[in-house]
Amino acid sequence: MKEQRRSPGVVSRVQQFLKSEDPKTGMVRDILWILGVVGGVALLLFLFSGTWPAVVAVESGSMIPNMNVGDLVFVAAADRYGPLTSWEEGQQNGYARFATHPDRQGNQVYGDVIIYKPNGDTSVHPIIHRAVAWYDNTTNPGYITKGDNNPAIDQDAYIAGIGAIQPVRKEWIVGKALFAIPLVGYLPLHIVEFAAVVIVFLIVWEWYSRRREANAGGGKKVANAPHPAKKNSKKR
């Protein structure tokens, strides 16, 4: 009886994929590697922060000079690493974050800076402003918020499409700001452009690597084999 050929298992297929020299396969490997690294970093950030997104980029100047456009801000859940503290509460115990400079009115700032979804709406970008005080109202309780560089509180403002900004309920809070890295936030603000550049770079690098290998292989000269000596065919 003829032995039946076994189809290659998962392990062998993975090994073939990893060792393949096909340009398209190499490109897929590079993309999967990038996605794996990004996914691993995202998981670590989530475990550290307890919320998502774990980092946000500052897009406006409403928190200048304590936060600037392009800052990459690391975020934690509101009750992680200590309770959420408002300006009013921080003024009593001296607690303050992102309080290097006074606000626009010249007041020393206190308390936490929070990231929240205005009116709980996910169709607009979250706002990153300071929690001023808890507004204890039976019909609409929540935090009053304000940007350090703004002349008035957020609850006096209006956003097209969602209306007047309401006091921030706890379930609308994404998290509180822990620390920021200047300028790095410009990267996520232009993530589409960055992804396009990375993909183009990978394609060009793969093409260059293959071309270099081809040139190296084609440039090798093989010595001609010596011709066998001709026998003397003269007759005596």
C-alpha atoms as a PDB file:
ATOM      1  CA  MET A   1       0.000   0.000   0.000  1.00  0.00           C
ATOM      2  CA  LYS A   2       1.198   3.469  -0.813  1.00  0.00           C
ATOM      3  CA  GLU A   3       1.763   5.734   2.124  1.00  0.00           C
ATOM      4  CA  GLN A   4      -0.563   8.708   2.231  1.00  0.00           C
ATOM      5  CA  ARG A   5       1.164  12.048   2.249  1.00  0.00           C
ATOM      6  CA  ARG A   6       0.324  14.085   5.271  1.00  0.00           C
ATOM      7  CA  SER A   7      -0.618  17.690   4.706  1.00  0.00           C
ATOM      8  CA  PRO A   8       1.796  20.117   6.372  1.00  0.00           C
ATOM      9  CA  GLY A   9       0.754  21.023   9.901  1.00  0.00           C
ATOM     10  CA  VAL A  10       0.250  24.461  11.372  1.00  0.00           C
ATOM     11  CA  VAL A  11       3.789  24.604  12.754  1.00  0.00           C
ATOM     12  CA  SER A  12       5.379  23.754   9.414  1.00  0.00           C
ATOM     13  CA  ARG A  13       3.197  26.285   7.624  1.00  0.00           C
ATOM     14  CA  VAL A  14       4.253  28.965  10.099  1.00  0.00           C
ATOM     15  CA  GLN A  15       7.886  28.021   9.606  1.00  0.00           C
ATOM     16  CA  GLN A  16       7.473  28.241   5.834  1.00  0.00           C
ATOM     17  CA  PHE A  17       5.859  31.648   6.233  1.00  0.00           C
ATOM     18  CA  LEU A  18       8.667  32.926   8.462  1.00  0.00           C
ATOM     19  CA  LYS A  19      11.422  31.611   6.203  1.00  0.00           C
ATOM     20  CA  SER A  20       9.832  32.475   2.875  1.00  0.00           C
ATOM     21  CA  GLU A  21      11.850  34.778   0.624  1.00  0.00           C
ATOM     22  CA  ASP A  22       8.844  35.805  -1.426  1.00  0.00           C
ATOM     23  CA  PRO A  23       8.613  39.645  -1.477  1.00  0.00           C
ATOM     24  CA  LYS A  24       4.855  39.686  -0.824  1.00  0.00           C
ATOM     25  CA  THR A  25       5.225  37.295   2.105  1.00  0.00           C
ATOM     26  CA  GLY A  26       8.031  39.443   3.496  1.00  0.00           C
ATOM     27  CA  MET A  27       5.804  42.506   3.288  1.00  0.00           C
ATOM     28  CA  VAL A  28       3.002  40.696   5.150  1.00  0.00           C
ATOM     29  CA  ARG A  29       5.509  39.632   7.844  1.00  0.00           C
ATOM     30  CA  ASP A  30       6.644  43.237   8.332  1.00  0.00           C
ATOM     31  CA  ILE A  31       3.083  44.522   8.614  1.00  0.00           C
ATOM     32  CA  LEU A  32       2.121  41.771  11.079  1.00  0.00           C
ATOM     33  CA  TRP A  33       5.214  42.567  13.154  1.00  0.00           C
ATOM     34  CA  ILE A  34       4.243  46.238  13.345  1.00  0.00           C
ATOM     35  CA  LEU A  35       0.651  45.364  14.285  1.00  0.00           C
ATOM     36  CA  GLY A  36       1.928  42.974  16.962  1.00  0.00           C
ATOM     37  CA  VAL A  37       4.175  45.617  18.507  1.00  0.00           C
ATOM     38  CA  VAL A  38       1.390  48.227  18.450  1.00  0.00           C
ATOM     39  CA  GLY A  39      -1.085  45.757  19.944  1.00  0.00           C
ATOM     40  CA  GLY A  40       1.357  44.787  22.700  1.00  0.00           C
ATOM     41  CA  VAL A  41       2.018  48.410  23.624  1.00  0.00           C
ATOM     42  CA  ALA A  42      -1.729  49.142  23.626  1.00  0.00           C
ATOM     43  CA  LEU A  43      -2.357  46.205  25.979  1.00  0.00           C
ATOM     44  CA  LEU A  44       0.356  47.343  28.389  1.00  0.00           C
ATOM     45  CA  LEU A  45      -1.025  50.887  28.385  1.00  0.00           C
ATOM     46  CA  PHE A  46      -4.515  49.611  29.135  1.00  0.00           C
ATOM     47  CA  LEU A  47      -3.272  47.464  32.016  1.00  0.00           C
ATOM     48  CA  PHE A  48      -1.363  50.462  33.389  1.00  0.00           C
ATOM     49  CA  SER A  49      -4.134  53.029  32.995  1.00  0.00           C
ATOM     50  CA  GLY A  50      -7.319  51.018  33.454  1.00  0.00           C
ATOM     51  CA  THR A  51      -9.098  52.995  30.741  1.00  0.00           C
ATOM     52  CA  TRP A  52      -9.130  53.536  26.996  1.00  0.00           C
ATOM     53  CA  PRO A  53      -7.810  55.532  25.284  1.00  0.00           C
ATOM     54  CA  ALA A  54      -4.779  55.447  27.587  1.00  0.00           C
ATOM     55  CA  VAL A  55      -3.123  58.358  25.764  1.00  0.00           C
ATOM     56  CA  VAL A  56      -4.581  61.438  24.124  1.00  0.00           C
ATOM     57  CA  ALA A  57      -3.079  64.299  22.148  1.00  0.00           C
ATOM     58  CA  VAL A  58      -3.781  67.921  23.020  1.00  0.00           C
ATOM     59  CA  GLU A  59      -5.359  69.547  19.962  1.00  0.00           C
ATOM     60  CA  SER A  60      -6.162  73.060  21.164  1.00  0.00           C
ATOM     61  CA  GLY A  61      -4.653  75.822  23.264  1.00  0.00           C
ATOM     62  CA  SER A  62      -7.369  75.863  25.933  1.00  0.00           C
ATOM     63  CA  MET A  63      -4.982  74.541  28.617  1.00  0.00           C
ATOM     64  CA  ILE A  64      -1.952  76.708  27.768  1.00  0.00           C
ATOM     65  CA  PRO A  65       0.554  77.094  29.398  1.00  0.00           C
ATOM     66  CA  ASN A  66       0.082  74.016  31.605  1.00  0.00           C
ATOM     67  CA  MET A  67      -0.653  71.894  28.525  1.00  0.00           C
ATOM     68  CA  ASN A  68       0.279  72.737  24.957  1.00  0.00           C
ATOM     69  CA  VAL A  69      -0.805  71.666  21.502  1.00  0.00           C
ATOM     70  CA  GLY A  70       1.047  68.494  20.550  1.00  0.00           C
ATOM     71  CA  ASP A  71       1.475  67.213  24.112  1.00  0.00           C
ATOM     72  CA  LEU A  72       0.925  63.474  24.430  1.00  0.00           C
ATOM     73  CA  VAL A  73      -1.019  62.977  27.662  1.00  0.00           C
ATOM     74  CA  PHE A  74      -1.082  59.682  29.554  1.00  0.00           C
ATOM     75  CA  VAL A  75      -4.483  58.954  31.059  1.00  0.00           C
ATOM     76  CA  ALA A  76      -5.624  56.814  33.995  1.00  0.00           C
ATOM     77  CA  ALA A  77      -9.089  55.839  35.177  1.00  0.00           C
ATOM     78  CA  ALA A  78     -10.654  58.499  37.395  1.00  0.00           C
ATOM     79  CA  ASP A  79     -10.341  56.372  40.576  1.00  0.00           C
ATOM     80  CA  ARG A  80      -6.907  54.937  39.772  1.00  0.00           C
ATOM     81  CA  TYR A  81      -3.818  56.119  41.681  1.00  0.00           C
ATOM     82  CA  GLY A  82      -5.967  58.089  44.091  1.00  0.00           C
ATOM     83  CA  PRO A  83      -9.421  59.663  43.969  1.00  0.00           C
ATOM     84  CA  LEU A  84     -10.382  62.284  41.395  1.00  0.00           C
ATOM     85  CA  THR A  85      -9.818  65.695  42.998  1.00  0.00           C
ATOM     86  CA  SER A  86     -11.530  68.881  41.846  1.00  0.00           C
ATOM     87  CA  TRP A  87     -10.064  72.396  41.963  1.00  0.00           C
ATOM     88  CA  GLU A  88     -12.277  73.160  44.950  1.00  0.00           C
ATOM     89  CA  GLU A  89     -11.043  70.089  46.855  1.00  0.00           C
ATOM     90  CA  GLY A  90      -7.420  70.595  45.819  1.00  0.00           C
ATOM     91  CA  GLN A  91      -7.483  74.156  47.088  1.00  0.00           C
ATOM     92  CA  GLN A  92      -8.239  72.793  50.548  1.00  0.00           C
ATOM     93  CA  ASN A  93      -5.531  70.107  50.647  1.00  0.00           C
ATOM     94  CA  GLY A  94      -2.955  71.662  48.285  1.00  0.00           C
ATOM     95  CA  TYR A  95      -3.282  68.960  45.606  1.00  0.00           C
ATOM     96  CA  ALA A  96      -2.629  70.059  42.026  1.00  0.00           C
ATOM     97  CA  ARG A  97      -1.613  68.517  38.688  1.00  0.00           C
ATOM     98  CA  PHE A  98      -0.387  70.385  35.631  1.00  0.00           C
ATOM     99  CA  ALA A  99      -0.206  73.498  37.795  1.00  0.00           C
ATOM    100  CA  THR A 100       3.143  75.022  36.871  1.00  0.00           C
ATOM    101  CA  HIS A 101       1.486  78.293  35.835  1.00  0.00           C
ATOM    102  CA  PRO A 102      -1.653  80.164  36.967  1.00  0.00           C
ATOM    103  CA  ASP A 103      -4.726  80.216  34.756  1.00  0.00           C
ATOM    104  CA  ARG A 104      -5.688  82.984  32.336  1.00  0.00           C
ATOM    105  CA  GLN A 105      -7.188  85.054  35.151  1.00  0.00           C
ATOM    106  CA  GLY A 106      -3.991  84.770  37.213  1.00  0.00           C
ATOM    107  CA  ASN A 107      -5.389  82.276  39.727  1.00  0.00           C
ATOM    108  CA  GLN A 108      -3.287  79.415  41.054  1.00  0.00           C
ATOM    109  CA  VAL A 109      -4.806  76.181  39.738  1.00  0.00           C
ATOM    110  CA  TYR A 110      -5.572  73.051  41.748  1.00  0.00           C
ATOM    111  CA  GLY A 111      -7.029  69.594  41.314  1.00  0.00           C
ATOM    112  CA  ASP A 112      -7.020  67.088  38.449  1.00  0.00           C
ATOM    113  CA  VAL A 113      -7.311  67.584  34.728  1.00  0.00           C
ATOM    114  CA  ILE A 114      -9.902  65.220  33.273  1.00  0.00           C
ATOM    115  CA  ILE A 115     -10.676  63.911  29.814  1.00  0.00           C
ATOM    116  CA  TYR A 116     -14.408  63.668  29.182  1.00  0.00           C
ATOM    117  CA  LYS A 117     -16.955  63.128  26.426  1.00  0.00           C
ATOM    118  CA  PRO A 118     -19.086  66.290  26.258  1.00  0.00           C
ATOM    119  CA  ASN A 119     -22.669  65.348  27.121  1.00  0.00           C
ATOM    120  CA  GLY A 120     -21.559  61.727  26.744  1.00  0.00           C
ATOM    121  CA  ASP A 121     -21.432  62.137  22.964  1.00  0.00           C
ATOM    122  CA  THR A 122     -18.829  59.962  21.234  1.00  0.00           C
ATOM    123  CA  SER A 123     -19.193  61.661  17.852  1.00  0.00           C
ATOM    124  CA  VAL A 124     -16.985  64.578  18.938  1.00  0.00           C
ATOM    125  CA  HIS A 125     -13.450  64.547  20.304  1.00  0.00           C
ATOM    126  CA  PRO A 126     -13.129  64.319  24.099  1.00  0.00           C
ATOM    127  CA  ILE A 127     -12.288  67.523  25.977  1.00  0.00           C
ATOM    128  CA  ILE A 128      -9.288  67.749  28.301  1.00  0.00           C
ATOM    129  CA  HIS A 129      -9.979  70.419  30.970  1.00  0.00           C
ATOM    130  CA  ARG A 130      -9.652  70.913  34.704  1.00  0.00           C
ATOM    131  CA  ALA A 131     -12.363  69.655  37.043  1.00  0.00           C
ATOM    132  CA  VAL A 132     -13.386  72.779  38.970  1.00  0.00           C
ATOM    133  CA  ALA A 133     -16.097  71.552  41.334  1.00  0.00           C
ATOM    134  CA  TRP A 134     -18.805  68.947  41.720  1.00  0.00           C
ATOM    135  CA  TYR A 135     -22.218  70.423  40.915  1.00  0.00           C
ATOM    136  CA  ASP A 136     -24.641  68.569  43.170  1.00  0.00           C
ATOM    137  CA  ASN A 137     -27.939  68.958  41.390  1.00  0.00           C
ATOM    138  CA  THR A 138     -30.699  66.361  41.638  1.00  0.00           C
ATOM    139  CA  THR A 139     -31.608  66.600  37.940  1.00  0.00           C
ATOM    140  CA  ASN A 140     -28.173  67.054  36.395  1.00  0.00           C
ATOM    141  CA  PRO A 141     -25.265  66.451  38.796  1.00  0.00           C
ATOM    142  CA  GLY A 142     -21.722  66.511  37.477  1.00  0.00           C
ATOM    143  CA  TYR A 143     -18.369  68.288  37.388  1.00  0.00           C
ATOM    144  CA  ILE A 144     -18.026  71.904  36.328  1.00  0.00           C
ATOM    145  CA  THR A 145     -14.957  72.090  34.072  1.00  0.00           C
ATOM    146  CA  LYS A 146     -12.742  74.800  32.624  1.00  0.00           C
ATOM    147  CA  GLY A 147      -9.666  75.174  30.460  1.00  0.00           C
ATOM    148  CA  ASP A 148      -6.819  77.027  32.201  1.00  0.00           C
ATOM    149  CA  ASN A 149      -6.561  79.358  29.195  1.00  0.00           C
ATOM    150  CA  ASN A 150     -10.300  79.890  28.772  1.00  0.00           C
ATOM    151  CA  PRO A 151     -12.184  82.934  30.098  1.00  0.00           C
ATOM    152  CA  ALA A 152     -15.242  80.925  31.214  1.00  0.00           C
ATOM    153  CA  ILE A 153     -16.318  77.476  32.312  1.00  0.00           C
ATOM    154  CA  ASP A 154     -17.239  74.823  29.731  1.00  0.00           C
ATOM    155  CA  GLN A 155     -20.843  74.758  30.924  1.00  0.00           C
ATOM    156  CA  ASP A 156     -21.290  78.250  29.483  1.00  0.00           C
ATOM    157  CA  ALA A 157     -20.171  76.989  26.054  1.00  0.00           C
ATOM    158  CA  TYR A 158     -22.076  75.470  23.142  1.00  0.00           C
ATOM    159  CA  ILE A 159     -20.948  72.757  20.711  1.00  0.00           C
ATOM    160  CA  ALA A 160     -22.621  72.487  17.330  1.00  0.00           C
ATOM    161  CA  GLY A 161     -24.568  69.274  17.031  1.00  0.00           C
ATOM    162  CA  ILE A 162     -24.831  68.491  20.753  1.00  0.00           C
ATOM    163  CA  GLY A 163     -25.896  71.810  22.268  1.00  0.00           C
ATOM    164  CA  ALA A 164     -24.865  73.422  25.548  1.00  0.00           C
ATOM    165  CA  ILE A 165     -22.248  71.507  27.516  1.00  0.00           C
ATOM    166  CA  GLN A 166     -23.774  69.944  30.611  1.00  0.00           C
ATOM    167  CA  PRO A 167     -22.023  69.249  33.941  1.00  0.00           C
ATOM    168  CA  VAL A 168     -19.804  66.222  33.412  1.00  0.00           C
ATOM    169  CA  ARG A 169     -21.325  63.050  34.789  1.00  0.00           C
ATOM    170  CA  LYS A 170     -18.973  60.406  36.129  1.00  0.00           C
ATOM    171  CA  GLU A 171     -19.857  57.978  33.337  1.00  0.00           C
ATOM    172  CA  TRP A 172     -18.783  60.586  30.752  1.00  0.00           C
ATOM    173  CA  ILE A 173     -15.263  60.775  32.174  1.00  0.00           C
ATOM    174  CA  VAL A 174     -12.649  58.877  30.155  1.00  0.00           C
ATOM    175  CA  GLY A 175      -9.999  59.413  32.827  1.00  0.00           C
ATOM    176  CA  LYS A 176      -7.669  61.891  34.477  1.00  0.00           C
ATOM    177  CA  ALA A 177      -4.366  63.159  33.123  1.00  0.00           C
ATOM    178  CA  LEU A 178      -1.238  61.733  34.775  1.00  0.00           C
ATOM    179  CA  PHE A 179       1.642  63.302  32.859  1.00  0.00           C
ATOM    180  CA  ALA A 180       2.455  64.614  29.398  1.00  0.00           C
ATOM    181  CA  ILE A 181       5.298  64.397  26.886  1.00  0.00           C
ATOM    182  CA  PRO A 182       5.722  67.549  24.755  1.00  0.00           C
ATOM    183  CA  LEU A 183       5.446  67.404  20.942  1.00  0.00           C
ATOM    184  CA  VAL A 184       5.015  63.603  20.747  1.00  0.00           C
ATOM    185  CA  GLY A 185       1.265  64.136  20.446  1.00  0.00           C
ATOM    186  CA  TYR A 186       1.724  65.464  16.913  1.00  0.00           C
ATOM    187  CA  LEU A 187       2.190  61.830  15.849  1.00  0.00           C
ATOM    188  CA  PRO A 188      -1.331  60.576  16.719  1.00  0.00           C
ATOM    189  CA  LEU A 189      -2.762  63.849  15.426  1.00  0.00           C
ATOM    190  CA  HIS A 190      -1.368  62.833  12.026  1.00  0.00           C
ATOM    191  CA  ILE A 191      -1.645  59.059  12.400  1.00  0.00           C
ATOM    192  CA  VAL A 192      -3.019  58.500   8.874  1.00  0.00           C
ATOM    193  CA  GLU A 193      -0.121  60.333   7.294  1.00  0.00           C
ATOM    194  CA  PHE A 194       2.335  58.505   9.559  1.00  0.00           C
ATOM    195  CA  ALA A 195       0.865  55.088   8.686  1.00  0.00           C
ATOM    196  CA  ALA A 196       1.099  55.918   4.978  1.00  0.00           C
ATOM    197  CA  VAL A 197       4.769  56.900   5.354  1.00  0.00           C
ATOM    198  CA  VAL A 198       5.550  53.662   7.230  1.00  0.00           C
ATOM    199  CA  ILE A 199       3.853  51.508   4.581  1.00  0.00           C
ATOM    200  CA  VAL A 200       5.645  53.308   1.740  1.00  0.00           C
ATOM    201  CA  PHE A 201       8.943  52.937   3.587  1.00  0.00           C
ATOM    202  CA  LEU A 202       8.375  49.189   4.007  1.00  0.00           C
ATOM    203  CA  ILE A 203       7.566  48.773   0.321  1.00  0.00           C
ATOM    204  CA  VAL A 204      10.648  50.739  -0.768  1.00  0.00           C
ATOM    205  CA  TRP A 205      12.888  48.894   1.691  1.00  0.00           C
ATOM    206  CA  GLU A 206      11.605  45.511   0.531  1.00  0.00           C
ATOM    207  CA  TRP A 207      12.170  46.497  -3.112  1.00  0.00           C
ATOM    208  CA  TYR A 208      15.656  47.801  -2.332  1.00  0.00           C
ATOM    209  CA  SER A 209      16.613  44.662  -0.378  1.00  0.00           C
ATOM    210  CA  ARG A 210      15.447  42.359  -3.169  1.00  0.00           C
ATOM    211  CA  ARG A 211      17.205  44.420  -5.820  1.00  0.00           C
ATOM    212  CA  ARG A 212      20.445  44.408  -3.833  1.00  0.00           C
ATOM    213  CA  GLU A 213      20.285  40.631  -3.398  1.00  0.00           C
ATOM    214  CA  ALA A 214      19.589  40.170  -7.108  1.00  0.00           C
ATOM    215  CA  ASN A 215      22.531  42.387  -8.076  1.00  0.00           C
ATOM    216  CA  ALA A 216      24.811  40.588  -5.642  1.00  0.00           C
ATOM    217  CA  GLY A 217      23.805  37.200  -7.053  1.00  0.00           C
ATOM    218  CA  GLY A 218      24.085  38.319 -10.680  1.00  0.00           C
ATOM    219  CA  GLY A 219      27.489  39.902 -10.186  1.00  0.00           C
ATOM    220  CA  LYS A 220      29.208  36.680  -9.228  1.00  0.00           C
ATOM    221  CA  LYS A 221      31.285  35.283 -12.056  1.00  0.00           C
ATOM    222  CA  VAL A 222      31.710  31.579 -12.394  1.00  0.00           C
ATOM    223  CA  ALA A 223      35.033  30.441 -13.843  1.00  0.00           C
ATOM    224  CA  ASN A 224      34.715  28.618 -17.143  1.00  0.00           C
ATOM    225  CA  ALA A 225      35.358  24.900 -16.849  1.00  0.00           C
ATOM    226  CA  PRO A 226      38.509  23.838 -18.700  1.00  0.00           C
ATOM    227  CA  HIS A 227      37.923  22.171 -22.024  1.00  0.00           C
ATOM    228  CA  PRO A 228      39.101  18.568 -22.214  1.00  0.00           C
ATOM    229  CA  ALA A 229      42.336  18.132 -24.156  1.00  0.00           C
ATOM    230  CA  LYS A 230      41.771  17.059 -27.735  1.00  0.00           C
ATOM    231  CA  LYS A 231      43.194  13.715 -28.626  1.00  0.00           C
ATOM    232  CA  ASN A 232      45.628  13.529 -31.540  1.00  0.00           C
ATOM    233  CA  SER A 233      43.665  11.892 -34.320  1.00  0.00           C
ATOM    234  CA  LYS A 234      46.512  11.613 -36.802  1.00  0.00           C
ATOM    235  CA  LYS A 235      46.924   8.209 -38.294  1.00  0.00           C
ATOM    236  CA  ARG A 236      50.334   6.665 -38.550  1.00  0.00           C
END
